[in-house]
């Protein structure tokens, strides 16, 4: 039985604590298990405290890192207004520190997402997203998050899935406990048409961070897409419902729920889902095709 706790050195306040009861069979496996579990728990706990501290400061007095922290909850919300505000904060952060790998990578992610969430970016937004993600990796090739974002950019913007897979796998190698890295591998697998592989990777992301507050809705959307392509419509509907529950403002999750329901023979539910989707984000077929959720024409059709 081991107990662990994290306290603030500044004021002695308890940030996080937990207790681990394990069978002492393989001491090295035990060490890895607890080490991984502590890392997964501590990172969001520390980040949450940092975000709250940044939120209490006047905007004019924020450092580059504090601006980055202020942007994170807006990114995680996955909404049109939130992503626009996050982009503004991250651009300000980079004015103060243009060599921040974290800010470059997350801004690249935001610009990648802006069109999907219904924002109105410039025509050069996606190319800028690719440039920023590539620059982040260039500055720090050992940053797993930057590698994972770059994998997204390569697969989605450049349609270079082979190179995207290499960077997603590098993200996993750098941080095998990163749920985001595994989800990136799952997304790129979807884009490459490796749908069974996508399911396994996305399930691993969920297993590593089942209570994730940042990107869980995106993982479930990708998982729904993989199940849809595999014609496993019941599983696809279940995953899409979880995505909608976590982020009811994400139109693509509604779309995939409707698609899975329709091809699963549940037409009335699909029509109601479509009606709800139109209240959130109404789009034309042309706009949906332009999103390139699938690179395989038969699945996209």
C-alpha atoms as a PDB file:
ATOM      1  CA  UNK A   1       0.000   0.000   0.000  1.00  0.00           C
ATOM      2  CA  UNK A   2       1.477   3.279  -1.120  1.00  0.00           C
ATOM      3  CA  UNK A   3       0.203   6.789  -0.534  1.00  0.00           C
ATOM      4  CA  UNK A   4       1.182   9.764  -2.646  1.00  0.00           C
ATOM      5  CA  UNK A   5       0.358  13.432  -2.363  1.00  0.00           C
ATOM      6  CA  UNK A   6       1.267  16.632  -4.140  1.00  0.00           C
ATOM      7  CA  UNK A   7       1.402  19.890  -2.206  1.00  0.00           C
ATOM      8  CA  UNK A   8       2.100  23.440  -3.288  1.00  0.00           C
ATOM      9  CA  UNK A   9       5.570  24.506  -2.156  1.00  0.00           C
ATOM     10  CA  UNK A  10       4.309  28.094  -2.102  1.00  0.00           C
ATOM     11  CA  UNK A  11       1.617  27.746   0.555  1.00  0.00           C
ATOM     12  CA  UNK A  12       1.524  24.072   1.550  1.00  0.00           C
ATOM     13  CA  UNK A  13      -1.946  23.550   0.095  1.00  0.00           C
ATOM     14  CA  UNK A  14      -2.815  19.994  -0.956  1.00  0.00           C
ATOM     15  CA  UNK A  15      -3.194  19.809  -4.753  1.00  0.00           C
ATOM     16  CA  UNK A  16      -3.703  16.064  -5.193  1.00  0.00           C
ATOM     17  CA  UNK A  17      -3.478  12.807  -3.264  1.00  0.00           C
ATOM     18  CA  UNK A  18      -4.256   9.142  -3.813  1.00  0.00           C
ATOM     19  CA  UNK A  19      -3.598   5.668  -2.406  1.00  0.00           C
ATOM     20  CA  UNK A  20      -2.487   2.596  -4.335  1.00  0.00           C
ATOM     21  CA  UNK A  21      -3.162  -0.982  -3.244  1.00  0.00           C
ATOM     22  CA  UNK A  22      -1.346  -3.519  -5.402  1.00  0.00           C
ATOM     23  CA  UNK A  23      -0.107  -7.094  -5.214  1.00  0.00           C
ATOM     24  CA  UNK A  24       3.669  -7.181  -4.931  1.00  0.00           C
ATOM     25  CA  UNK A  25       4.377  -9.725  -7.666  1.00  0.00           C
ATOM     26  CA  UNK A  26       6.666  -7.920 -10.116  1.00  0.00           C
ATOM     27  CA  UNK A  27       8.260  -4.909  -8.436  1.00  0.00           C
ATOM     28  CA  UNK A  28       9.287  -3.329 -11.767  1.00  0.00           C
ATOM     29  CA  UNK A  29       5.806  -3.704 -13.254  1.00  0.00           C
ATOM     30  CA  UNK A  30       4.405  -2.265 -10.023  1.00  0.00           C
ATOM     31  CA  UNK A  31       6.752   0.700 -10.279  1.00  0.00           C
ATOM     32  CA  UNK A  32       5.730   1.360 -13.894  1.00  0.00           C
ATOM     33  CA  UNK A  33       2.034   0.990 -13.107  1.00  0.00           C
ATOM     34  CA  UNK A  34       2.082   3.449 -10.210  1.00  0.00           C
ATOM     35  CA  UNK A  35       4.446   5.836 -11.984  1.00  0.00           C
ATOM     36  CA  UNK A  36       2.148   5.988 -15.008  1.00  0.00           C
ATOM     37  CA  UNK A  37      -0.943   6.370 -12.839  1.00  0.00           C
ATOM     38  CA  UNK A  38       0.600   9.215 -10.822  1.00  0.00           C
ATOM     39  CA  UNK A  39       1.757  11.002 -13.981  1.00  0.00           C
ATOM     40  CA  UNK A  40      -1.703  10.788 -15.539  1.00  0.00           C
ATOM     41  CA  UNK A  41      -3.329  12.161 -12.378  1.00  0.00           C
ATOM     42  CA  UNK A  42      -0.788  14.843 -11.499  1.00  0.00           C
ATOM     43  CA  UNK A  43      -0.476  16.549 -14.881  1.00  0.00           C
ATOM     44  CA  UNK A  44      -4.113  17.723 -15.127  1.00  0.00           C
ATOM     45  CA  UNK A  45      -4.173  18.551 -11.402  1.00  0.00           C
ATOM     46  CA  UNK A  46      -1.158  20.842 -11.727  1.00  0.00           C
ATOM     47  CA  UNK A  47      -2.428  22.327 -14.978  1.00  0.00           C
ATOM     48  CA  UNK A  48      -5.826  23.028 -13.405  1.00  0.00           C
ATOM     49  CA  UNK A  49      -4.214  24.972 -10.563  1.00  0.00           C
ATOM     50  CA  UNK A  50      -2.054  26.920 -13.022  1.00  0.00           C
ATOM     51  CA  UNK A  51      -5.062  27.777 -15.211  1.00  0.00           C
ATOM     52  CA  UNK A  52      -7.030  29.024 -12.210  1.00  0.00           C
ATOM     53  CA  UNK A  53      -4.087  31.169 -11.120  1.00  0.00           C
ATOM     54  CA  UNK A  54      -3.799  32.673 -14.633  1.00  0.00           C
ATOM     55  CA  UNK A  55      -7.549  33.290 -14.725  1.00  0.00           C
ATOM     56  CA  UNK A  56      -7.358  35.460 -11.580  1.00  0.00           C
ATOM     57  CA  UNK A  57      -4.754  37.823 -13.053  1.00  0.00           C
ATOM     58  CA  UNK A  58      -5.663  40.905 -15.153  1.00  0.00           C
ATOM     59  CA  UNK A  59      -5.286  40.165 -18.863  1.00  0.00           C
ATOM     60  CA  UNK A  60      -2.856  43.057 -19.352  1.00  0.00           C
ATOM     61  CA  UNK A  61      -0.467  41.580 -16.765  1.00  0.00           C
ATOM     62  CA  UNK A  62      -0.306  38.040 -18.138  1.00  0.00           C
ATOM     63  CA  UNK A  63       2.977  36.470 -19.256  1.00  0.00           C
ATOM     64  CA  UNK A  64       3.294  34.422 -22.444  1.00  0.00           C
ATOM     65  CA  UNK A  65       2.794  31.213 -20.462  1.00  0.00           C
ATOM     66  CA  UNK A  66      -0.183  32.612 -18.551  1.00  0.00           C
ATOM     67  CA  UNK A  67      -1.834  33.628 -21.846  1.00  0.00           C
ATOM     68  CA  UNK A  68      -1.269  30.069 -23.076  1.00  0.00           C
ATOM     69  CA  UNK A  69      -2.883  28.703 -19.901  1.00  0.00           C
ATOM     70  CA  UNK A  70      -5.834  31.104 -20.233  1.00  0.00           C
ATOM     71  CA  UNK A  71      -6.400  29.793 -23.775  1.00  0.00           C
ATOM     72  CA  UNK A  72      -6.484  26.075 -22.881  1.00  0.00           C
ATOM     73  CA  UNK A  73     -10.040  25.834 -21.475  1.00  0.00           C
ATOM     74  CA  UNK A  74     -11.304  27.717 -24.535  1.00  0.00           C
ATOM     75  CA  UNK A  75      -9.584  25.174 -26.799  1.00  0.00           C
ATOM     76  CA  UNK A  76     -11.006  22.233 -24.864  1.00  0.00           C
ATOM     77  CA  UNK A  77     -14.546  23.624 -25.034  1.00  0.00           C
ATOM     78  CA  UNK A  78     -14.548  22.998 -28.789  1.00  0.00           C
ATOM     79  CA  UNK A  79     -16.889  25.854 -29.714  1.00  0.00           C
ATOM     80  CA  UNK A  80     -16.793  28.454 -32.486  1.00  0.00           C
ATOM     81  CA  UNK A  81     -16.573  31.423 -30.107  1.00  0.00           C
ATOM     82  CA  UNK A  82     -14.136  29.672 -27.791  1.00  0.00           C
ATOM     83  CA  UNK A  83     -11.705  28.752 -30.554  1.00  0.00           C
ATOM     84  CA  UNK A  84     -11.688  32.350 -31.813  1.00  0.00           C
ATOM     85  CA  UNK A  85     -10.887  33.722 -28.352  1.00  0.00           C
ATOM     86  CA  UNK A  86      -8.190  31.063 -27.863  1.00  0.00           C
ATOM     87  CA  UNK A  87      -6.542  32.068 -31.152  1.00  0.00           C
ATOM     88  CA  UNK A  88      -6.411  35.700 -30.017  1.00  0.00           C
ATOM     89  CA  UNK A  89      -4.821  34.765 -26.675  1.00  0.00           C
ATOM     90  CA  UNK A  90      -2.270  32.459 -28.283  1.00  0.00           C
ATOM     91  CA  UNK A  91      -1.246  35.062 -30.844  1.00  0.00           C
ATOM     92  CA  UNK A  92      -0.629  37.470 -27.962  1.00  0.00           C
ATOM     93  CA  UNK A  93       1.375  34.780 -26.187  1.00  0.00           C
ATOM     94  CA  UNK A  94       3.606  34.295 -29.230  1.00  0.00           C
ATOM     95  CA  UNK A  95       4.217  38.039 -29.511  1.00  0.00           C
ATOM     96  CA  UNK A  96       5.768  37.817 -26.040  1.00  0.00           C
ATOM     97  CA  UNK A  97       7.583  34.517 -26.702  1.00  0.00           C
ATOM     98  CA  UNK A  98       7.726  33.320 -30.301  1.00  0.00           C
ATOM     99  CA  UNK A  99       9.779  30.243 -29.384  1.00  0.00           C
ATOM    100  CA  UNK A 100       7.179  28.537 -27.178  1.00  0.00           C
ATOM    101  CA  UNK A 101       6.634  25.049 -28.546  1.00  0.00           C
ATOM    102  CA  UNK A 102       3.445  24.670 -26.505  1.00  0.00           C
ATOM    103  CA  UNK A 103       1.872  27.877 -27.831  1.00  0.00           C
ATOM    104  CA  UNK A 104       2.915  27.160 -31.424  1.00  0.00           C
ATOM    105  CA  UNK A 105       1.474  23.648 -31.322  1.00  0.00           C
ATOM    106  CA  UNK A 106      -1.827  24.572 -29.698  1.00  0.00           C
ATOM    107  CA  UNK A 107      -2.291  27.585 -32.010  1.00  0.00           C
ATOM    108  CA  UNK A 108      -1.691  25.273 -34.969  1.00  0.00           C
ATOM    109  CA  UNK A 109      -4.369  22.978 -33.520  1.00  0.00           C
ATOM    110  CA  UNK A 110      -6.805  25.897 -33.135  1.00  0.00           C
ATOM    111  CA  UNK A 111      -6.301  27.088 -36.705  1.00  0.00           C
ATOM    112  CA  UNK A 112      -6.797  23.531 -37.914  1.00  0.00           C
ATOM    113  CA  UNK A 113     -10.087  23.389 -36.048  1.00  0.00           C
ATOM    114  CA  UNK A 114     -11.469  26.856 -36.747  1.00  0.00           C
ATOM    115  CA  UNK A 115     -13.200  25.918 -40.053  1.00  0.00           C
ATOM    116  CA  UNK A 116     -14.594  22.685 -38.598  1.00  0.00           C
ATOM    117  CA  UNK A 117     -16.172  24.542 -35.684  1.00  0.00           C
ATOM    118  CA  UNK A 118     -17.797  27.100 -37.984  1.00  0.00           C
ATOM    119  CA  UNK A 119     -15.412  29.998 -37.425  1.00  0.00           C
ATOM    120  CA  UNK A 120     -14.662  32.303 -40.325  1.00  0.00           C
ATOM    121  CA  UNK A 121     -10.873  32.146 -40.770  1.00  0.00           C
ATOM    122  CA  UNK A 122      -8.918  33.561 -43.692  1.00  0.00           C
ATOM    123  CA  UNK A 123      -8.121  31.493 -46.767  1.00  0.00           C
ATOM    124  CA  UNK A 124      -4.583  30.938 -45.465  1.00  0.00           C
ATOM    125  CA  UNK A 125      -5.641  29.539 -42.079  1.00  0.00           C
ATOM    126  CA  UNK A 126      -5.002  25.864 -42.804  1.00  0.00           C
ATOM    127  CA  UNK A 127      -1.613  26.536 -44.364  1.00  0.00           C
ATOM    128  CA  UNK A 128      -0.657  28.614 -41.318  1.00  0.00           C
ATOM    129  CA  UNK A 129      -1.765  25.736 -39.077  1.00  0.00           C
ATOM    130  CA  UNK A 130       0.576  23.388 -40.937  1.00  0.00           C
ATOM    131  CA  UNK A 131       3.472  25.864 -40.739  1.00  0.00           C
ATOM    132  CA  UNK A 132       3.014  26.425 -36.998  1.00  0.00           C
ATOM    133  CA  UNK A 133       2.797  22.703 -36.244  1.00  0.00           C
ATOM    134  CA  UNK A 134       5.923  22.022 -38.297  1.00  0.00           C
ATOM    135  CA  UNK A 135       7.753  24.884 -36.561  1.00  0.00           C
ATOM    136  CA  UNK A 136       6.796  23.538 -33.121  1.00  0.00           C
ATOM    137  CA  UNK A 137       8.282  20.138 -33.988  1.00  0.00           C
ATOM    138  CA  UNK A 138      11.368  21.831 -35.399  1.00  0.00           C
ATOM    139  CA  UNK A 139      11.922  23.750 -32.170  1.00  0.00           C
ATOM    140  CA  UNK A 140      11.430  20.715 -29.943  1.00  0.00           C
ATOM    141  CA  UNK A 141      11.262  17.322 -31.675  1.00  0.00           C
ATOM    142  CA  UNK A 142      10.957  15.674 -28.239  1.00  0.00           C
ATOM    143  CA  UNK A 143       7.600  17.314 -27.506  1.00  0.00           C
ATOM    144  CA  UNK A 144       4.975  14.562 -27.846  1.00  0.00           C
ATOM    145  CA  UNK A 145       2.039  16.980 -28.103  1.00  0.00           C
ATOM    146  CA  UNK A 146       3.718  18.934 -30.906  1.00  0.00           C
ATOM    147  CA  UNK A 147       4.446  15.706 -32.784  1.00  0.00           C
ATOM    148  CA  UNK A 148       0.812  14.634 -32.409  1.00  0.00           C
ATOM    149  CA  UNK A 149      -0.530  17.981 -33.665  1.00  0.00           C
ATOM    150  CA  UNK A 150       1.838  17.859 -36.633  1.00  0.00           C
ATOM    151  CA  UNK A 151       0.563  14.363 -37.429  1.00  0.00           C
ATOM    152  CA  UNK A 152      -2.975  15.771 -37.550  1.00  0.00           C
ATOM    153  CA  UNK A 153      -1.872  18.607 -39.824  1.00  0.00           C
ATOM    154  CA  UNK A 154      -0.041  16.321 -42.233  1.00  0.00           C
ATOM    155  CA  UNK A 155      -2.956  13.910 -42.557  1.00  0.00           C
ATOM    156  CA  UNK A 156      -5.760  16.471 -42.657  1.00  0.00           C
ATOM    157  CA  UNK A 157      -4.249  19.428 -44.523  1.00  0.00           C
ATOM    158  CA  UNK A 158      -1.594  17.815 -46.700  1.00  0.00           C
ATOM    159  CA  UNK A 159      -3.308  14.400 -47.007  1.00  0.00           C
ATOM    160  CA  UNK A 160       0.085  12.835 -46.276  1.00  0.00           C
ATOM    161  CA  UNK A 161      -1.056   9.987 -44.049  1.00  0.00           C
ATOM    162  CA  UNK A 162       2.192   8.018 -44.306  1.00  0.00           C
ATOM    163  CA  UNK A 163       4.202  10.893 -42.853  1.00  0.00           C
ATOM    164  CA  UNK A 164       1.426  11.640 -40.387  1.00  0.00           C
ATOM    165  CA  UNK A 165       1.613   8.083 -39.057  1.00  0.00           C
ATOM    166  CA  UNK A 166       5.367   8.444 -38.500  1.00  0.00           C
ATOM    167  CA  UNK A 167       4.886  11.574 -36.400  1.00  0.00           C
ATOM    168  CA  UNK A 168       1.970  10.083 -34.441  1.00  0.00           C
ATOM    169  CA  UNK A 169       4.072   7.023 -33.653  1.00  0.00           C
ATOM    170  CA  UNK A 170       6.939   9.287 -32.618  1.00  0.00           C
ATOM    171  CA  UNK A 171       4.565  11.059 -30.220  1.00  0.00           C
ATOM    172  CA  UNK A 172       3.657   7.682 -28.697  1.00  0.00           C
ATOM    173  CA  UNK A 173       7.319   6.686 -28.438  1.00  0.00           C
ATOM    174  CA  UNK A 174       8.118   9.948 -26.650  1.00  0.00           C
ATOM    175  CA  UNK A 175       5.188   9.586 -24.250  1.00  0.00           C
ATOM    176  CA  UNK A 176       3.468   6.172 -24.252  1.00  0.00           C
ATOM    177  CA  UNK A 177       1.079   7.417 -21.556  1.00  0.00           C
ATOM    178  CA  UNK A 178      -0.171  10.351 -23.659  1.00  0.00           C
ATOM    179  CA  UNK A 179      -3.827   9.819 -24.527  1.00  0.00           C
ATOM    180  CA  UNK A 180      -3.563  12.660 -27.045  1.00  0.00           C
ATOM    181  CA  UNK A 181      -0.695  10.892 -28.838  1.00  0.00           C
ATOM    182  CA  UNK A 182      -2.743   7.692 -29.131  1.00  0.00           C
ATOM    183  CA  UNK A 183      -5.772   9.638 -30.339  1.00  0.00           C
ATOM    184  CA  UNK A 184      -3.599  11.280 -32.984  1.00  0.00           C
ATOM    185  CA  UNK A 185      -2.523   7.848 -34.218  1.00  0.00           C
ATOM    186  CA  UNK A 186      -6.186   6.871 -34.298  1.00  0.00           C
ATOM    187  CA  UNK A 187      -7.179   9.962 -36.281  1.00  0.00           C
ATOM    188  CA  UNK A 188      -4.427   9.481 -38.855  1.00  0.00           C
ATOM    189  CA  UNK A 189      -5.407   5.803 -39.145  1.00  0.00           C
ATOM    190  CA  UNK A 190      -8.935   6.924 -40.000  1.00  0.00           C
ATOM    191  CA  UNK A 191      -7.612   9.257 -42.650  1.00  0.00           C
ATOM    192  CA  UNK A 192      -5.466   6.450 -44.072  1.00  0.00           C
ATOM    193  CA  UNK A 193      -8.408   4.036 -44.201  1.00  0.00           C
ATOM    194  CA  UNK A 194      -6.973   1.818 -41.438  1.00  0.00           C
ATOM    195  CA  UNK A 195     -10.244   1.829 -39.511  1.00  0.00           C
ATOM    196  CA  UNK A 196      -9.671  -1.223 -37.295  1.00  0.00           C
ATOM    197  CA  UNK A 197      -6.311   0.239 -36.257  1.00  0.00           C
ATOM    198  CA  UNK A 198      -8.051   3.540 -35.534  1.00  0.00           C
ATOM    199  CA  UNK A 199     -10.505   1.822 -33.184  1.00  0.00           C
ATOM    200  CA  UNK A 200      -7.700   0.193 -31.195  1.00  0.00           C
ATOM    201  CA  UNK A 201      -5.714   3.435 -30.857  1.00  0.00           C
ATOM    202  CA  UNK A 202      -8.734   5.518 -29.863  1.00  0.00           C
ATOM    203  CA  UNK A 203      -9.775   2.925 -27.290  1.00  0.00           C
ATOM    204  CA  UNK A 204      -6.266   3.166 -25.854  1.00  0.00           C
ATOM    205  CA  UNK A 205      -6.639   6.958 -25.577  1.00  0.00           C
ATOM    206  CA  UNK A 206      -9.874   6.526 -23.629  1.00  0.00           C
ATOM    207  CA  UNK A 207      -8.326   3.836 -21.428  1.00  0.00           C
ATOM    208  CA  UNK A 208      -5.418   6.140 -20.557  1.00  0.00           C
ATOM    209  CA  UNK A 209      -7.647   9.128 -19.764  1.00  0.00           C
ATOM    210  CA  UNK A 210     -11.265   8.044 -19.214  1.00  0.00           C
ATOM    211  CA  UNK A 211     -12.191  11.275 -17.425  1.00  0.00           C
ATOM    212  CA  UNK A 212     -10.407  13.560 -19.881  1.00  0.00           C
ATOM    213  CA  UNK A 213     -11.831  17.093 -19.924  1.00  0.00           C
ATOM    214  CA  UNK A 214      -9.915  18.330 -22.953  1.00  0.00           C
ATOM    215  CA  UNK A 215     -10.334  16.212 -26.082  1.00  0.00           C
ATOM    216  CA  UNK A 216     -12.598  13.281 -25.122  1.00  0.00           C
ATOM    217  CA  UNK A 217     -15.353  14.578 -27.414  1.00  0.00           C
ATOM    218  CA  UNK A 218     -12.937  14.518 -30.346  1.00  0.00           C
ATOM    219  CA  UNK A 219     -11.770  10.973 -29.575  1.00  0.00           C
ATOM    220  CA  UNK A 220     -15.379   9.780 -29.475  1.00  0.00           C
ATOM    221  CA  UNK A 221     -16.103  11.535 -32.781  1.00  0.00           C
ATOM    222  CA  UNK A 222     -13.116   9.834 -34.417  1.00  0.00           C
ATOM    223  CA  UNK A 223     -14.169   6.500 -32.923  1.00  0.00           C
ATOM    224  CA  UNK A 224     -17.681   6.979 -34.300  1.00  0.00           C
ATOM    225  CA  UNK A 225     -16.187   7.704 -37.728  1.00  0.00           C
ATOM    226  CA  UNK A 226     -14.102   4.519 -37.621  1.00  0.00           C
ATOM    227  CA  UNK A 227     -17.096   2.395 -36.638  1.00  0.00           C
ATOM    228  CA  UNK A 228     -19.161   4.038 -39.398  1.00  0.00           C
ATOM    229  CA  UNK A 229     -16.561   3.114 -42.022  1.00  0.00           C
ATOM    230  CA  UNK A 230     -16.485  -0.440 -40.647  1.00  0.00           C
ATOM    231  CA  UNK A 231     -20.305  -0.552 -40.924  1.00  0.00           C
ATOM    232  CA  UNK A 232     -20.593  -1.151 -37.173  1.00  0.00           C
ATOM    233  CA  UNK A 233     -23.405   1.351 -36.820  1.00  0.00           C
ATOM    234  CA  UNK A 234     -24.565   0.497 -33.293  1.00  0.00           C
ATOM    235  CA  UNK A 235     -21.064   1.072 -31.916  1.00  0.00           C
ATOM    236  CA  UNK A 236     -20.743   4.186 -34.077  1.00  0.00           C
ATOM    237  CA  UNK A 237     -23.992   5.585 -32.688  1.00  0.00           C
ATOM    238  CA  UNK A 238     -22.907   4.876 -29.098  1.00  0.00           C
ATOM    239  CA  UNK A 239     -19.560   6.661 -29.590  1.00  0.00           C
ATOM    240  CA  UNK A 240     -21.200   9.634 -31.313  1.00  0.00           C
ATOM    241  CA  UNK A 241     -23.720   9.991 -28.476  1.00  0.00           C
ATOM    242  CA  UNK A 242     -20.828  10.283 -26.008  1.00  0.00           C
ATOM    243  CA  UNK A 243     -19.223  12.930 -28.216  1.00  0.00           C
ATOM    244  CA  UNK A 244     -22.479  14.915 -28.353  1.00  0.00           C
ATOM    245  CA  UNK A 245     -22.898  14.567 -24.587  1.00  0.00           C
ATOM    246  CA  UNK A 246     -19.426  15.989 -23.932  1.00  0.00           C
ATOM    247  CA  UNK A 247     -19.670  18.707 -26.614  1.00  0.00           C
ATOM    248  CA  UNK A 248     -23.240  19.393 -27.735  1.00  0.00           C
ATOM    249  CA  UNK A 249     -21.976  22.332 -29.823  1.00  0.00           C
ATOM    250  CA  UNK A 250     -19.874  20.138 -32.132  1.00  0.00           C
ATOM    251  CA  UNK A 251     -21.799  19.729 -35.379  1.00  0.00           C
ATOM    252  CA  UNK A 252     -19.654  16.893 -36.730  1.00  0.00           C
ATOM    253  CA  UNK A 253     -20.533  14.667 -33.751  1.00  0.00           C
ATOM    254  CA  UNK A 254     -24.235  15.218 -34.548  1.00  0.00           C
ATOM    255  CA  UNK A 255     -23.564  14.436 -38.218  1.00  0.00           C
ATOM    256  CA  UNK A 256     -21.869  11.145 -37.442  1.00  0.00           C
ATOM    257  CA  UNK A 257     -24.607  10.201 -35.007  1.00  0.00           C
ATOM    258  CA  UNK A 258     -27.212  10.849 -37.706  1.00  0.00           C
ATOM    259  CA  UNK A 259     -25.215   8.895 -40.301  1.00  0.00           C
ATOM    260  CA  UNK A 260     -24.740   5.874 -38.032  1.00  0.00           C
ATOM    261  CA  UNK A 261     -28.404   5.916 -37.013  1.00  0.00           C
ATOM    262  CA  UNK A 262     -29.595   6.204 -40.608  1.00  0.00           C
ATOM    263  CA  UNK A 263     -27.525   3.333 -41.971  1.00  0.00           C
ATOM    264  CA  UNK A 264     -28.359   1.356 -38.838  1.00  0.00           C
ATOM    265  CA  UNK A 265     -32.024   1.556 -39.837  1.00  0.00           C
ATOM    266  CA  UNK A 266     -33.108   4.090 -37.198  1.00  0.00           C
ATOM    267  CA  UNK A 267     -34.339   6.779 -39.582  1.00  0.00           C
ATOM    268  CA  UNK A 268     -36.658   8.695 -37.262  1.00  0.00           C
ATOM    269  CA  UNK A 269     -33.870   9.133 -34.687  1.00  0.00           C
ATOM    270  CA  UNK A 270     -31.484  10.143 -37.473  1.00  0.00           C
ATOM    271  CA  UNK A 271     -33.902  12.853 -38.667  1.00  0.00           C
ATOM    272  CA  UNK A 272     -34.302  14.204 -35.133  1.00  0.00           C
ATOM    273  CA  UNK A 273     -30.515  14.231 -34.708  1.00  0.00           C
ATOM    274  CA  UNK A 274     -30.189  16.151 -37.979  1.00  0.00           C
ATOM    275  CA  UNK A 275     -32.742  18.692 -36.763  1.00  0.00           C
ATOM    276  CA  UNK A 276     -30.761  19.183 -33.558  1.00  0.00           C
ATOM    277  CA  UNK A 277     -27.536  19.446 -35.557  1.00  0.00           C
ATOM    278  CA  UNK A 278     -28.985  22.230 -37.709  1.00  0.00           C
ATOM    279  CA  UNK A 279     -29.713  24.220 -34.544  1.00  0.00           C
ATOM    280  CA  UNK A 280     -26.064  23.864 -33.567  1.00  0.00           C
ATOM    281  CA  UNK A 281     -24.302  24.266 -36.906  1.00  0.00           C
ATOM    282  CA  UNK A 282     -26.168  24.102 -40.185  1.00  0.00           C
ATOM    283  CA  UNK A 283     -23.990  23.142 -43.137  1.00  0.00           C
ATOM    284  CA  UNK A 284     -24.418  22.257 -46.783  1.00  0.00           C
ATOM    285  CA  UNK A 285     -23.302  18.996 -48.380  1.00  0.00           C
ATOM    286  CA  UNK A 286     -20.575  20.945 -50.183  1.00  0.00           C
ATOM    287  CA  UNK A 287     -19.210  22.228 -46.874  1.00  0.00           C
ATOM    288  CA  UNK A 288     -19.325  18.755 -45.327  1.00  0.00           C
ATOM    289  CA  UNK A 289     -17.402  17.302 -48.282  1.00  0.00           C
ATOM    290  CA  UNK A 290     -14.841  20.097 -47.973  1.00  0.00           C
ATOM    291  CA  UNK A 291     -14.165  19.005 -44.361  1.00  0.00           C
ATOM    292  CA  UNK A 292     -12.747  15.706 -45.706  1.00  0.00           C
ATOM    293  CA  UNK A 293     -13.644  13.741 -42.600  1.00  0.00           C
ATOM    294  CA  UNK A 294     -12.899  10.695 -44.755  1.00  0.00           C
ATOM    295  CA  UNK A 295     -10.379  10.503 -47.573  1.00  0.00           C
ATOM    296  CA  UNK A 296     -12.073   7.445 -49.049  1.00  0.00           C
ATOM    297  CA  UNK A 297     -14.660   8.569 -51.618  1.00  0.00           C
ATOM    298  CA  UNK A 298     -17.009   5.629 -51.052  1.00  0.00           C
ATOM    299  CA  UNK A 299     -17.156   6.223 -47.294  1.00  0.00           C
ATOM    300  CA  UNK A 300     -17.480   9.975 -47.770  1.00  0.00           C
ATOM    301  CA  UNK A 301     -20.328   9.524 -50.236  1.00  0.00           C
END
